[in-house]
Amino acid sequence: MNASTHIPVLLQEVVQALNLPAAEIVVDATYGRGGHARAMFGALASQARLIVIDRDQDAIDQALSKWQNQDRIEIIHAPFSKLSQILKERDLIGKVDAILFDLGVSSPQLDNRERGFSFSHDGPLDMRMDRSVGMTAAAWMKQVEEGELIRVLKVFGEERFARRIARKIKQSLLKNQISSTAELSKLVCAAVPTREKGKYPYHKGHKYPYHKGHKHPYHKGHKHPATRTFQAIRIAINQELQEIESVLPDALEALAPGGRLVVISFHSLEDRLVKRFFREQSKGDPYPHDLPVTHDMLKPRLRLVGKPVKPGARELQQNPRARSAVMRAAQKVA
């Protein structure tokens, strides 16, 4: 999937929630391949500015090739946790009218075997969103203690067989380096108990990832046994949840009164952080429940905009990867 075929999730819903016709300064903090950015820019007034940010150099290269001659768009290579620093340098704290976060891994990252994000394509076990910094997944697994690996698989992958999988990985690393997505996927499948292999249609002889012409053995609705492990390791080495936790307060400070914040999450761990932050900021100061105070006295900083939005049947038919997406929107009130 290249930039021209990449399908942005909840595109019209994002544009509507951000209230872009009234905006002057807008930030797309997760450019990806620019699907949301193109629609956002198209909805802006002629004098409005768009700042796009991404930690993936491939995304930045694509953005530069497309927008380098557009003086109303600024392209920045950085993790979105640097949002506050980026905006302070431009004297834009408290002046931004709309911010979008489209969390998680993008389709181009999944589809590029050299990035190592997916068990569906054999490639180097990398998984870094920014390949210029940090350890690869292969290097991280080699140095991490078994107890920490169990914790990562349990917490970030919500994997019930975390202990079995971690033990299998560490035992294998005593003999051989695990350097490819195929090797990791095969180890995870071998660690899943036999009774679970009825849940994930599976039998001996299947190779992971699948070679050319090999029919996918998993029925619709069933996850591959390695799905949660790959997710957990990716989240750990990219510090994805820490990035989200640190940037949400910064995004709120960056917004002008009336500014909109929109976040798209793709799994429960991300959405839980966003939901909690939106709820706390929309409630305001924590007074005792029995005190007679009005909502205005609580000084809420956000107002929730609509209910959480999920893709409809038509979008899911066109883009099955959108099935777990949840969009939440809020407006700064003070």
C-alpha atoms as a PDB file:
ATOM      1  CA  MET A   1       0.000   0.000   0.000  1.00  0.00           C
ATOM      2  CA  ASN A   2       1.563   3.294  -1.072  1.00  0.00           C
ATOM      3  CA  ALA A   3       0.645   6.857  -0.270  1.00  0.00           C
ATOM      4  CA  SER A   4      -1.858   7.059  -3.107  1.00  0.00           C
ATOM      5  CA  THR A   5      -3.807   3.987  -1.940  1.00  0.00           C
ATOM      6  CA  HIS A   6      -3.470   4.502   1.829  1.00  0.00           C
ATOM      7  CA  ILE A   7      -6.952   5.019   3.308  1.00  0.00           C
ATOM      8  CA  PRO A   8      -7.207   7.484   6.208  1.00  0.00           C
ATOM      9  CA  VAL A   9      -9.594   6.360   8.940  1.00  0.00           C
ATOM     10  CA  LEU A  10     -12.795   8.291   9.735  1.00  0.00           C
ATOM     11  CA  LEU A  11     -11.757  11.023   7.313  1.00  0.00           C
ATOM     12  CA  GLN A  12     -14.983  13.030   7.061  1.00  0.00           C
ATOM     13  CA  GLU A  13     -15.668  12.625  10.768  1.00  0.00           C
ATOM     14  CA  VAL A  14     -12.209  14.036  11.600  1.00  0.00           C
ATOM     15  CA  VAL A  15     -12.636  17.061   9.330  1.00  0.00           C
ATOM     16  CA  GLN A  16     -16.038  17.822  10.812  1.00  0.00           C
ATOM     17  CA  ALA A  17     -14.947  17.364  14.431  1.00  0.00           C
ATOM     18  CA  LEU A  18     -11.946  19.703  14.045  1.00  0.00           C
ATOM     19  CA  ASN A  19     -14.169  22.612  12.895  1.00  0.00           C
ATOM     20  CA  LEU A  20     -11.549  23.557  10.313  1.00  0.00           C
ATOM     21  CA  PRO A  21     -13.254  26.411   8.432  1.00  0.00           C
ATOM     22  CA  ALA A  22     -12.902  28.551  11.586  1.00  0.00           C
ATOM     23  CA  ALA A  23      -9.276  27.537  12.252  1.00  0.00           C
ATOM     24  CA  GLU A  24      -6.117  29.554  11.620  1.00  0.00           C
ATOM     25  CA  ILE A  25      -3.419  27.307  13.135  1.00  0.00           C
ATOM     26  CA  VAL A  26      -3.855  23.522  12.800  1.00  0.00           C
ATOM     27  CA  VAL A  27      -1.575  20.625  13.779  1.00  0.00           C
ATOM     28  CA  ASP A  28      -1.605  17.105  12.350  1.00  0.00           C
ATOM     29  CA  ALA A  29       0.657  15.465  14.939  1.00  0.00           C
ATOM     30  CA  THR A  30       0.724  12.072  13.175  1.00  0.00           C
ATOM     31  CA  TYR A  31       1.154  12.729   9.448  1.00  0.00           C
ATOM     32  CA  GLY A  32       1.517   9.095   8.336  1.00  0.00           C
ATOM     33  CA  ARG A  33       1.034   9.305   4.568  1.00  0.00           C
ATOM     34  CA  GLY A  34      -0.927  12.525   4.641  1.00  0.00           C
ATOM     35  CA  GLY A  35      -4.480  11.287   4.113  1.00  0.00           C
ATOM     36  CA  HIS A  36      -5.895  13.338   6.956  1.00  0.00           C
ATOM     37  CA  ALA A  37      -3.543  16.246   6.265  1.00  0.00           C
ATOM     38  CA  ARG A  38      -4.732  16.582   2.644  1.00  0.00           C
ATOM     39  CA  ALA A  39      -8.374  16.732   3.715  1.00  0.00           C
ATOM     40  CA  MET A  40      -7.613  19.077   6.599  1.00  0.00           C
ATOM     41  CA  PHE A  41      -5.657  21.464   4.405  1.00  0.00           C
ATOM     42  CA  GLY A  42      -8.421  21.444   1.815  1.00  0.00           C
ATOM     43  CA  ALA A  43     -10.948  22.507   4.457  1.00  0.00           C
ATOM     44  CA  LEU A  44      -8.879  25.443   5.771  1.00  0.00           C
ATOM     45  CA  ALA A  45      -9.386  29.079   4.907  1.00  0.00           C
ATOM     46  CA  SER A  46      -6.877  30.607   2.498  1.00  0.00           C
ATOM     47  CA  GLN A  47      -4.756  32.249   5.208  1.00  0.00           C
ATOM     48  CA  ALA A  48      -4.679  29.290   7.657  1.00  0.00           C
ATOM     49  CA  ARG A  49      -1.489  27.339   8.457  1.00  0.00           C
ATOM     50  CA  LEU A  50      -0.990  23.588   8.880  1.00  0.00           C
ATOM     51  CA  ILE A  51       1.872  22.047  10.872  1.00  0.00           C
ATOM     52  CA  VAL A  52       2.502  18.344  10.265  1.00  0.00           C
ATOM     53  CA  ILE A  53       4.628  16.186  12.567  1.00  0.00           C
ATOM     54  CA  ASP A  54       5.831  12.592  12.353  1.00  0.00           C
ATOM     55  CA  ARG A  55       8.603  10.569  13.992  1.00  0.00           C
ATOM     56  CA  ASP A  56       8.949   8.296  10.928  1.00  0.00           C
ATOM     57  CA  GLN A  57      11.470   9.585   8.392  1.00  0.00           C
ATOM     58  CA  ASP A  58       9.653   7.761   5.580  1.00  0.00           C
ATOM     59  CA  ALA A  59       6.528   9.788   6.354  1.00  0.00           C
ATOM     60  CA  ILE A  60       8.521  13.014   6.462  1.00  0.00           C
ATOM     61  CA  ASP A  61      10.157  12.237   3.115  1.00  0.00           C
ATOM     62  CA  GLN A  62       6.724  11.704   1.568  1.00  0.00           C
ATOM     63  CA  ALA A  63       5.436  14.938   3.079  1.00  0.00           C
ATOM     64  CA  LEU A  64       8.432  16.905   1.785  1.00  0.00           C
ATOM     65  CA  SER A  65       8.012  15.522  -1.722  1.00  0.00           C
ATOM     66  CA  LYS A  66       4.351  16.561  -1.743  1.00  0.00           C
ATOM     67  CA  TRP A  67       4.310  19.840   0.197  1.00  0.00           C
ATOM     68  CA  GLN A  68       7.786  21.370  -0.121  1.00  0.00           C
ATOM     69  CA  ASN A  69       6.506  24.221  -2.301  1.00  0.00           C
ATOM     70  CA  GLN A  70       3.530  25.019  -0.054  1.00  0.00           C
ATOM     71  CA  ASP A  71       4.478  27.870   2.280  1.00  0.00           C
ATOM     72  CA  ARG A  72       1.371  27.409   4.467  1.00  0.00           C
ATOM     73  CA  ILE A  73       2.459  23.910   5.525  1.00  0.00           C
ATOM     74  CA  GLU A  74       5.382  23.251   7.869  1.00  0.00           C
ATOM     75  CA  ILE A  75       6.833  19.729   8.065  1.00  0.00           C
ATOM     76  CA  ILE A  76       8.613  18.589  11.219  1.00  0.00           C
ATOM     77  CA  HIS A  77      10.434  15.321  11.946  1.00  0.00           C
ATOM     78  CA  ALA A  78       9.854  14.587  15.627  1.00  0.00           C
ATOM     79  CA  PRO A  79       7.812  12.375  17.965  1.00  0.00           C
ATOM     80  CA  PHE A  80       4.564  14.038  18.931  1.00  0.00           C
ATOM     81  CA  SER A  81       5.736  14.139  22.546  1.00  0.00           C
ATOM     82  CA  LYS A  82       7.837  17.138  21.387  1.00  0.00           C
ATOM     83  CA  LEU A  83       4.644  19.061  20.551  1.00  0.00           C
ATOM     84  CA  SER A  84       5.041  21.596  23.347  1.00  0.00           C
ATOM     85  CA  GLN A  85       8.674  22.319  22.448  1.00  0.00           C
ATOM     86  CA  ILE A  86       7.806  22.676  18.757  1.00  0.00           C
ATOM     87  CA  LEU A  87       4.998  25.132  19.446  1.00  0.00           C
ATOM     88  CA  LYS A  88       6.940  27.119  22.045  1.00  0.00           C
ATOM     89  CA  GLU A  89       9.693  27.726  19.487  1.00  0.00           C
ATOM     90  CA  ARG A  90       7.020  29.219  17.193  1.00  0.00           C
ATOM     91  CA  ASP A  91       5.226  31.182  19.949  1.00  0.00           C
ATOM     92  CA  LEU A  92       2.055  29.165  19.374  1.00  0.00           C
ATOM     93  CA  ILE A  93       1.199  27.878  22.857  1.00  0.00           C
ATOM     94  CA  GLY A  94      -2.441  28.756  23.504  1.00  0.00           C
ATOM     95  CA  LYS A  95      -2.944  29.784  19.866  1.00  0.00           C
ATOM     96  CA  VAL A  96      -3.648  26.490  18.054  1.00  0.00           C
ATOM     97  CA  ASP A  97      -7.215  25.974  16.819  1.00  0.00           C
ATOM     98  CA  ALA A  98      -7.181  22.241  16.046  1.00  0.00           C
ATOM     99  CA  ILE A  99      -4.953  19.229  16.773  1.00  0.00           C
ATOM    100  CA  LEU A 100      -5.259  15.677  15.438  1.00  0.00           C
ATOM    101  CA  PHE A 101      -3.624  12.505  16.772  1.00  0.00           C
ATOM    102  CA  ASP A 102      -4.059   9.312  14.731  1.00  0.00           C
ATOM    103  CA  LEU A 103      -2.379   6.837  17.060  1.00  0.00           C
ATOM    104  CA  GLY A 104      -0.606   3.525  16.530  1.00  0.00           C
ATOM    105  CA  VAL A 105       1.117   2.004  13.529  1.00  0.00           C
ATOM    106  CA  SER A 106       0.180   3.055   9.987  1.00  0.00           C
ATOM    107  CA  SER A 107      -0.697   0.816   7.039  1.00  0.00           C
ATOM    108  CA  PRO A 108       2.482   1.741   5.102  1.00  0.00           C
ATOM    109  CA  GLN A 109       4.541   0.739   8.121  1.00  0.00           C
ATOM    110  CA  LEU A 110       2.724  -2.592   8.383  1.00  0.00           C
ATOM    111  CA  ASP A 111       3.020  -3.298   4.676  1.00  0.00           C
ATOM    112  CA  ASN A 112       6.756  -2.583   4.407  1.00  0.00           C
ATOM    113  CA  ARG A 113       8.494  -5.857   5.333  1.00  0.00           C
ATOM    114  CA  GLU A 114      11.734  -3.985   6.058  1.00  0.00           C
ATOM    115  CA  ARG A 115      10.090  -2.233   9.017  1.00  0.00           C
ATOM    116  CA  GLY A 116       9.358  -5.496  10.843  1.00  0.00           C
ATOM    117  CA  PHE A 117       5.960  -4.497  12.235  1.00  0.00           C
ATOM    118  CA  SER A 118       3.964  -7.379  10.786  1.00  0.00           C
ATOM    119  CA  PHE A 119       4.119 -11.179  11.008  1.00  0.00           C
ATOM    120  CA  SER A 120       2.434 -11.321   7.575  1.00  0.00           C
ATOM    121  CA  HIS A 121       5.671 -10.366   5.792  1.00  0.00           C
ATOM    122  CA  ASP A 122       9.050 -11.848   6.607  1.00  0.00           C
ATOM    123  CA  GLY A 123      11.580  -9.140   7.335  1.00  0.00           C
ATOM    124  CA  PRO A 124      14.099  -7.856   9.871  1.00  0.00           C
ATOM    125  CA  LEU A 125      12.733  -7.635  13.412  1.00  0.00           C
ATOM    126  CA  ASP A 126      12.944  -3.853  13.772  1.00  0.00           C
ATOM    127  CA  MET A 127       9.580  -2.256  14.757  1.00  0.00           C
ATOM    128  CA  ARG A 128      11.045   1.202  15.462  1.00  0.00           C
ATOM    129  CA  MET A 129       8.857   4.061  14.280  1.00  0.00           C
ATOM    130  CA  ASP A 130      11.983   6.210  14.042  1.00  0.00           C
ATOM    131  CA  ARG A 131      14.810   4.049  12.736  1.00  0.00           C
ATOM    132  CA  SER A 132      17.407   6.676  13.622  1.00  0.00           C
ATOM    133  CA  VAL A 133      17.075   6.117  17.374  1.00  0.00           C
ATOM    134  CA  GLY A 134      16.555   3.361  19.914  1.00  0.00           C
ATOM    135  CA  MET A 135      16.912  -0.421  19.900  1.00  0.00           C
ATOM    136  CA  THR A 136      15.384  -2.740  17.341  1.00  0.00           C
ATOM    137  CA  ALA A 137      12.863  -5.305  18.575  1.00  0.00           C
ATOM    138  CA  ALA A 138      15.505  -8.023  18.072  1.00  0.00           C
ATOM    139  CA  ALA A 139      18.044  -6.169  20.239  1.00  0.00           C
ATOM    140  CA  TRP A 140      15.434  -5.350  22.876  1.00  0.00           C
ATOM    141  CA  MET A 141      14.319  -8.989  23.247  1.00  0.00           C
ATOM    142  CA  LYS A 142      17.910 -10.088  23.653  1.00  0.00           C
ATOM    143  CA  GLN A 143      18.632  -7.727  26.561  1.00  0.00           C
ATOM    144  CA  VAL A 144      15.257  -7.638  28.339  1.00  0.00           C
ATOM    145  CA  GLU A 145      14.804  -9.768  31.465  1.00  0.00           C
ATOM    146  CA  GLU A 146      12.240 -12.556  31.221  1.00  0.00           C
ATOM    147  CA  GLY A 147      10.134 -11.004  33.987  1.00  0.00           C
ATOM    148  CA  GLU A 148       9.960  -7.682  32.166  1.00  0.00           C
ATOM    149  CA  LEU A 149       9.089  -9.435  28.909  1.00  0.00           C
ATOM    150  CA  ILE A 150       6.216 -11.202  30.675  1.00  0.00           C
ATOM    151  CA  ARG A 151       4.994  -7.860  32.018  1.00  0.00           C
ATOM    152  CA  VAL A 152       5.158  -6.220  28.582  1.00  0.00           C
ATOM    153  CA  LEU A 153       3.220  -9.056  26.955  1.00  0.00           C
ATOM    154  CA  LYS A 154       0.586  -9.032  29.711  1.00  0.00           C
ATOM    155  CA  VAL A 155       0.123  -5.275  29.975  1.00  0.00           C
ATOM    156  CA  PHE A 156       0.727  -4.017  26.443  1.00  0.00           C
ATOM    157  CA  GLY A 157      -0.486  -7.094  24.579  1.00  0.00           C
ATOM    158  CA  GLU A 158      -3.137  -8.262  27.060  1.00  0.00           C
ATOM    159  CA  GLU A 159      -1.731 -11.721  26.283  1.00  0.00           C
ATOM    160  CA  ARG A 160      -3.012 -14.483  28.566  1.00  0.00           C
ATOM    161  CA  PHE A 161      -0.116 -16.771  27.605  1.00  0.00           C
ATOM    162  CA  ALA A 162       2.565 -14.156  28.268  1.00  0.00           C
ATOM    163  CA  ARG A 163       4.582 -16.427  30.565  1.00  0.00           C
ATOM    164  CA  ARG A 164       4.710 -19.296  28.055  1.00  0.00           C
ATOM    165  CA  ILE A 165       5.624 -17.011  25.183  1.00  0.00           C
ATOM    166  CA  ALA A 166       8.299 -15.135  27.147  1.00  0.00           C
ATOM    167  CA  ARG A 167       9.894 -18.387  28.318  1.00  0.00           C
ATOM    168  CA  LYS A 168       9.938 -19.748  24.756  1.00  0.00           C
ATOM    169  CA  ILE A 169      11.546 -16.573  23.431  1.00  0.00           C
ATOM    170  CA  LYS A 170      14.242 -16.421  26.115  1.00  0.00           C
ATOM    171  CA  GLN A 171      15.033 -20.131  25.789  1.00  0.00           C
ATOM    172  CA  SER A 172      15.423 -19.764  22.034  1.00  0.00           C
ATOM    173  CA  LEU A 173      17.684 -16.741  22.463  1.00  0.00           C
ATOM    174  CA  LEU A 174      20.098 -18.860  24.512  1.00  0.00           C
ATOM    175  CA  LYS A 175      20.738 -20.885  21.350  1.00  0.00           C
ATOM    176  CA  ASN A 176      20.090 -18.543  18.442  1.00  0.00           C
ATOM    177  CA  GLN A 177      19.446 -14.894  17.670  1.00  0.00           C
ATOM    178  CA  ILE A 178      15.820 -14.078  16.769  1.00  0.00           C
ATOM    179  CA  SER A 179      16.281 -11.595  13.952  1.00  0.00           C
ATOM    180  CA  SER A 180      13.253 -11.935  11.657  1.00  0.00           C
ATOM    181  CA  THR A 181       9.494 -11.535  11.968  1.00  0.00           C
ATOM    182  CA  ALA A 182       9.041 -15.097  10.703  1.00  0.00           C
ATOM    183  CA  GLU A 183      11.216 -16.503  13.489  1.00  0.00           C
ATOM    184  CA  LEU A 184       9.351 -14.607  16.205  1.00  0.00           C
ATOM    185  CA  SER A 185       5.950 -15.525  14.778  1.00  0.00           C
ATOM    186  CA  LYS A 186       6.889 -19.206  14.631  1.00  0.00           C
ATOM    187  CA  LEU A 187       8.086 -19.159  18.258  1.00  0.00           C
ATOM    188  CA  VAL A 188       4.855 -17.569  19.474  1.00  0.00           C
ATOM    189  CA  CYS A 189       2.727 -20.076  17.579  1.00  0.00           C
ATOM    190  CA  ALA A 190       4.723 -22.913  19.126  1.00  0.00           C
ATOM    191  CA  ALA A 191       4.176 -21.457  22.606  1.00  0.00           C
ATOM    192  CA  VAL A 192       0.382 -21.235  22.327  1.00  0.00           C
ATOM    193  CA  PRO A 193      -1.241 -24.221  24.102  1.00  0.00           C
ATOM    194  CA  THR A 194      -2.767 -26.927  21.931  1.00  0.00           C
ATOM    195  CA  ARG A 195      -6.275 -26.158  23.146  1.00  0.00           C
ATOM    196  CA  GLU A 196      -5.877 -22.594  21.907  1.00  0.00           C
ATOM    197  CA  LYS A 197      -5.120 -23.831  18.431  1.00  0.00           C
ATOM    198  CA  GLY A 198      -8.798 -24.582  18.028  1.00  0.00           C
ATOM    199  CA  LYS A 199      -9.478 -20.918  18.653  1.00  0.00           C
ATOM    200  CA  TYR A 200      -6.896 -19.897  16.066  1.00  0.00           C
ATOM    201  CA  PRO A 201      -7.433 -22.431  13.211  1.00  0.00           C
ATOM    202  CA  TYR A 202      -3.948 -23.832  12.983  1.00  0.00           C
ATOM    203  CA  HIS A 203      -2.151 -27.106  12.292  1.00  0.00           C
ATOM    204  CA  LYS A 204       1.389 -28.329  11.955  1.00  0.00           C
ATOM    205  CA  GLY A 205       2.971 -27.515   8.649  1.00  0.00           C
ATOM    206  CA  HIS A 206       1.782 -23.918   8.442  1.00  0.00           C
ATOM    207  CA  LYS A 207       4.615 -21.486   7.976  1.00  0.00           C
ATOM    208  CA  TYR A 208       4.654 -18.015   9.471  1.00  0.00           C
ATOM    209  CA  PRO A 209       4.561 -15.676   7.734  1.00  0.00           C
ATOM    210  CA  TYR A 210       2.806 -17.199   4.740  1.00  0.00           C
ATOM    211  CA  HIS A 211       4.740 -17.876   1.581  1.00  0.00           C
ATOM    212  CA  LYS A 212       3.465 -16.910  -1.854  1.00  0.00           C
ATOM    213  CA  GLY A 213       0.321 -18.795  -2.743  1.00  0.00           C
ATOM    214  CA  HIS A 214      -0.217 -19.996   0.819  1.00  0.00           C
ATOM    215  CA  LYS A 215      -3.828 -19.690   1.883  1.00  0.00           C
ATOM    216  CA  HIS A 216      -4.403 -17.748   5.102  1.00  0.00           C
ATOM    217  CA  PRO A 217      -5.343 -20.373   7.746  1.00  0.00           C
ATOM    218  CA  TYR A 218      -7.226 -18.059  10.116  1.00  0.00           C
ATOM    219  CA  HIS A 219     -10.959 -17.644   9.771  1.00  0.00           C
ATOM    220  CA  LYS A 220     -12.501 -14.189   9.712  1.00  0.00           C
ATOM    221  CA  GLY A 221     -12.715 -12.760  13.217  1.00  0.00           C
ATOM    222  CA  HIS A 222      -9.854 -14.856  14.648  1.00  0.00           C
ATOM    223  CA  LYS A 223      -6.537 -13.253  15.498  1.00  0.00           C
ATOM    224  CA  HIS A 224      -3.212 -14.785  14.575  1.00  0.00           C
ATOM    225  CA  PRO A 225      -1.494 -16.099  17.750  1.00  0.00           C
ATOM    226  CA  ALA A 226       1.371 -13.599  17.313  1.00  0.00           C
ATOM    227  CA  THR A 227      -0.852 -10.512  17.036  1.00  0.00           C
ATOM    228  CA  ARG A 228      -0.690  -9.542  20.707  1.00  0.00           C
ATOM    229  CA  THR A 229       3.030 -10.266  21.047  1.00  0.00           C
ATOM    230  CA  PHE A 230       3.933  -8.089  18.067  1.00  0.00           C
ATOM    231  CA  GLN A 231       1.684  -5.319  19.392  1.00  0.00           C
ATOM    232  CA  ALA A 232       3.184  -5.480  22.875  1.00  0.00           C
ATOM    233  CA  ILE A 233       6.822  -5.389  21.751  1.00  0.00           C
ATOM    234  CA  ARG A 234       6.102  -2.543  19.310  1.00  0.00           C
ATOM    235  CA  ILE A 235       4.413  -0.480  22.031  1.00  0.00           C
ATOM    236  CA  ALA A 236       7.283  -1.144  24.440  1.00  0.00           C
ATOM    237  CA  ILE A 237      10.213  -0.216  22.203  1.00  0.00           C
ATOM    238  CA  ASN A 238       8.477   2.901  20.858  1.00  0.00           C
ATOM    239  CA  GLN A 239       7.186   3.938  24.315  1.00  0.00           C
ATOM    240  CA  GLU A 240       3.829   4.584  22.706  1.00  0.00           C
ATOM    241  CA  LEU A 241       1.703   4.833  25.839  1.00  0.00           C
ATOM    242  CA  GLN A 242       4.208   7.132  27.558  1.00  0.00           C
ATOM    243  CA  GLU A 243       4.126   9.358  24.465  1.00  0.00           C
ATOM    244  CA  ILE A 244       0.330   9.604  24.650  1.00  0.00           C
ATOM    245  CA  GLU A 245       0.256  10.293  28.385  1.00  0.00           C
ATOM    246  CA  SER A 246       2.837  13.057  28.087  1.00  0.00           C
ATOM    247  CA  VAL A 247       1.349  14.811  25.055  1.00  0.00           C
ATOM    248  CA  LEU A 248      -2.329  15.073  26.005  1.00  0.00           C
ATOM    249  CA  PRO A 249      -1.778  17.776  28.697  1.00  0.00           C
ATOM    250  CA  ASP A 250       0.586  19.585  26.308  1.00  0.00           C
ATOM    251  CA  ALA A 251      -2.033  19.506  23.552  1.00  0.00           C
ATOM    252  CA  LEU A 252      -4.591  21.025  25.904  1.00  0.00           C
ATOM    253  CA  GLU A 253      -2.206  23.858  26.819  1.00  0.00           C
ATOM    254  CA  ALA A 254      -1.447  24.446  23.140  1.00  0.00           C
ATOM    255  CA  LEU A 255      -5.080  24.957  22.182  1.00  0.00           C
ATOM    256  CA  ALA A 256      -6.702  28.372  22.038  1.00  0.00           C
ATOM    257  CA  PRO A 257     -10.057  28.744  23.810  1.00  0.00           C
ATOM    258  CA  GLY A 258     -12.585  27.038  21.565  1.00  0.00           C
ATOM    259  CA  GLY A 259      -9.881  24.916  19.926  1.00  0.00           C
ATOM    260  CA  ARG A 260     -10.606  21.284  19.088  1.00  0.00           C
ATOM    261  CA  LEU A 261      -8.642  18.151  20.008  1.00  0.00           C
ATOM    262  CA  VAL A 262      -9.381  14.933  18.097  1.00  0.00           C
ATOM    263  CA  VAL A 263      -7.771  11.569  18.847  1.00  0.00           C
ATOM    264  CA  ILE A 264      -8.171   8.290  16.956  1.00  0.00           C
ATOM    265  CA  SER A 265      -7.197   5.173  18.937  1.00  0.00           C
ATOM    266  CA  PHE A 266      -6.862   1.616  17.694  1.00  0.00           C
ATOM    267  CA  HIS A 267      -6.784  -0.499  20.830  1.00  0.00           C
ATOM    268  CA  SER A 268      -8.131  -0.357  24.348  1.00  0.00           C
ATOM    269  CA  LEU A 269      -4.885   0.741  26.003  1.00  0.00           C
ATOM    270  CA  GLU A 270      -4.670   3.893  23.883  1.00  0.00           C
ATOM    271  CA  ASP A 271      -8.379   4.648  24.114  1.00  0.00           C
ATOM    272  CA  ARG A 272      -8.382   4.178  27.886  1.00  0.00           C
ATOM    273  CA  LEU A 273      -5.762   6.922  28.298  1.00  0.00           C
ATOM    274  CA  VAL A 274      -7.626   9.306  26.002  1.00  0.00           C
ATOM    275  CA  LYS A 275     -11.026   8.589  27.574  1.00  0.00           C
ATOM    276  CA  ARG A 276      -9.676   9.140  31.087  1.00  0.00           C
ATOM    277  CA  PHE A 277      -7.956  12.415  30.158  1.00  0.00           C
ATOM    278  CA  PHE A 278     -11.031  13.788  28.365  1.00  0.00           C
ATOM    279  CA  ARG A 279     -13.281  12.767  31.275  1.00  0.00           C
ATOM    280  CA  GLU A 280     -11.057  14.341  33.930  1.00  0.00           C
ATOM    281  CA  GLN A 281     -10.594  17.596  32.036  1.00  0.00           C
ATOM    282  CA  SER A 282     -14.298  17.892  31.252  1.00  0.00           C
ATOM    283  CA  LYS A 283     -15.244  17.412  34.930  1.00  0.00           C
ATOM    284  CA  GLY A 284     -12.992  20.158  36.230  1.00  0.00           C
ATOM    285  CA  ASP A 285     -11.634  20.646  39.756  1.00  0.00           C
ATOM    286  CA  PRO A 286     -12.183  17.704  42.162  1.00  0.00           C
ATOM    287  CA  TYR A 287     -14.588  19.063  44.794  1.00  0.00           C
ATOM    288  CA  PRO A 288     -16.196  16.716  47.370  1.00  0.00           C
ATOM    289  CA  HIS A 289     -19.441  15.301  45.990  1.00  0.00           C
ATOM    290  CA  ASP A 290     -21.594  16.710  48.795  1.00  0.00           C
ATOM    291  CA  LEU A 291     -20.585  20.360  48.268  1.00  0.00           C
ATOM    292  CA  PRO A 292     -23.204  22.534  46.511  1.00  0.00           C
ATOM    293  CA  VAL A 293     -21.115  23.732  43.546  1.00  0.00           C
ATOM    294  CA  THR A 294     -22.213  24.469  39.991  1.00  0.00           C
ATOM    295  CA  HIS A 295     -20.517  23.074  36.896  1.00  0.00           C
ATOM    296  CA  ASP A 296     -18.997  26.490  36.123  1.00  0.00           C
ATOM    297  CA  MET A 297     -17.401  26.598  39.572  1.00  0.00           C
ATOM    298  CA  LEU A 298     -15.594  23.340  38.797  1.00  0.00           C
ATOM    299  CA  LYS A 299     -13.733  25.135  35.979  1.00  0.00           C
ATOM    300  CA  PRO A 300     -13.706  22.314  33.400  1.00  0.00           C
ATOM    301  CA  ARG A 301     -11.074  22.805  30.686  1.00  0.00           C
ATOM    302  CA  LEU A 302     -12.636  20.607  28.012  1.00  0.00           C
ATOM    303  CA  ARG A 303     -16.110  20.069  26.646  1.00  0.00           C
ATOM    304  CA  LEU A 304     -16.757  16.713  25.013  1.00  0.00           C
ATOM    305  CA  VAL A 305     -17.853  17.037  21.385  1.00  0.00           C
ATOM    306  CA  GLY A 306     -20.351  14.325  20.555  1.00  0.00           C
ATOM    307  CA  LYS A 307     -19.978  10.673  21.440  1.00  0.00           C
ATOM    308  CA  PRO A 308     -17.092   8.344  20.520  1.00  0.00           C
ATOM    309  CA  VAL A 309     -17.263   7.560  16.801  1.00  0.00           C
ATOM    310  CA  LYS A 310     -16.462   4.238  15.129  1.00  0.00           C
ATOM    311  CA  PRO A 311     -16.243   3.427  11.406  1.00  0.00           C
ATOM    312  CA  GLY A 312     -19.486   2.463   9.692  1.00  0.00           C
ATOM    313  CA  ALA A 313     -20.174  -0.629   7.611  1.00  0.00           C
ATOM    314  CA  ARG A 314     -19.239   1.058   4.320  1.00  0.00           C
ATOM    315  CA  GLU A 315     -15.850   2.234   5.603  1.00  0.00           C
ATOM    316  CA  LEU A 316     -15.097  -1.184   7.097  1.00  0.00           C
ATOM    317  CA  GLN A 317     -15.847  -2.814   3.758  1.00  0.00           C
ATOM    318  CA  GLN A 318     -13.350  -0.515   2.050  1.00  0.00           C
ATOM    319  CA  ASN A 319     -10.782  -0.585   4.859  1.00  0.00           C
ATOM    320  CA  PRO A 320     -10.970  -3.605   7.226  1.00  0.00           C
ATOM    321  CA  ARG A 321      -7.991  -2.258   9.216  1.00  0.00           C
ATOM    322  CA  ALA A 322     -10.275   0.487  10.526  1.00  0.00           C
ATOM    323  CA  ARG A 323     -12.386  -2.018  12.495  1.00  0.00           C
ATOM    324  CA  SER A 324     -10.892  -1.186  15.909  1.00  0.00           C
ATOM    325  CA  ALA A 325     -10.710   2.600  15.447  1.00  0.00           C
ATOM    326  CA  VAL A 326     -12.402   4.924  17.955  1.00  0.00           C
ATOM    327  CA  MET A 327     -12.454   8.695  17.530  1.00  0.00           C
ATOM    328  CA  ARG A 328     -12.942  11.054  20.470  1.00  0.00           C
ATOM    329  CA  ALA A 329     -13.252  14.830  20.173  1.00  0.00           C
ATOM    330  CA  ALA A 330     -13.211  17.655  22.702  1.00  0.00           C
ATOM    331  CA  GLN A 331     -13.159  21.457  22.733  1.00  0.00           C
ATOM    332  CA  LYS A 332     -11.124  23.680  25.036  1.00  0.00           C
ATOM    333  CA  VAL A 333     -13.334  25.921  27.113  1.00  0.00           C
ATOM    334  CA  ALA A 334     -10.741  27.750  29.210  1.00  0.00           C
END
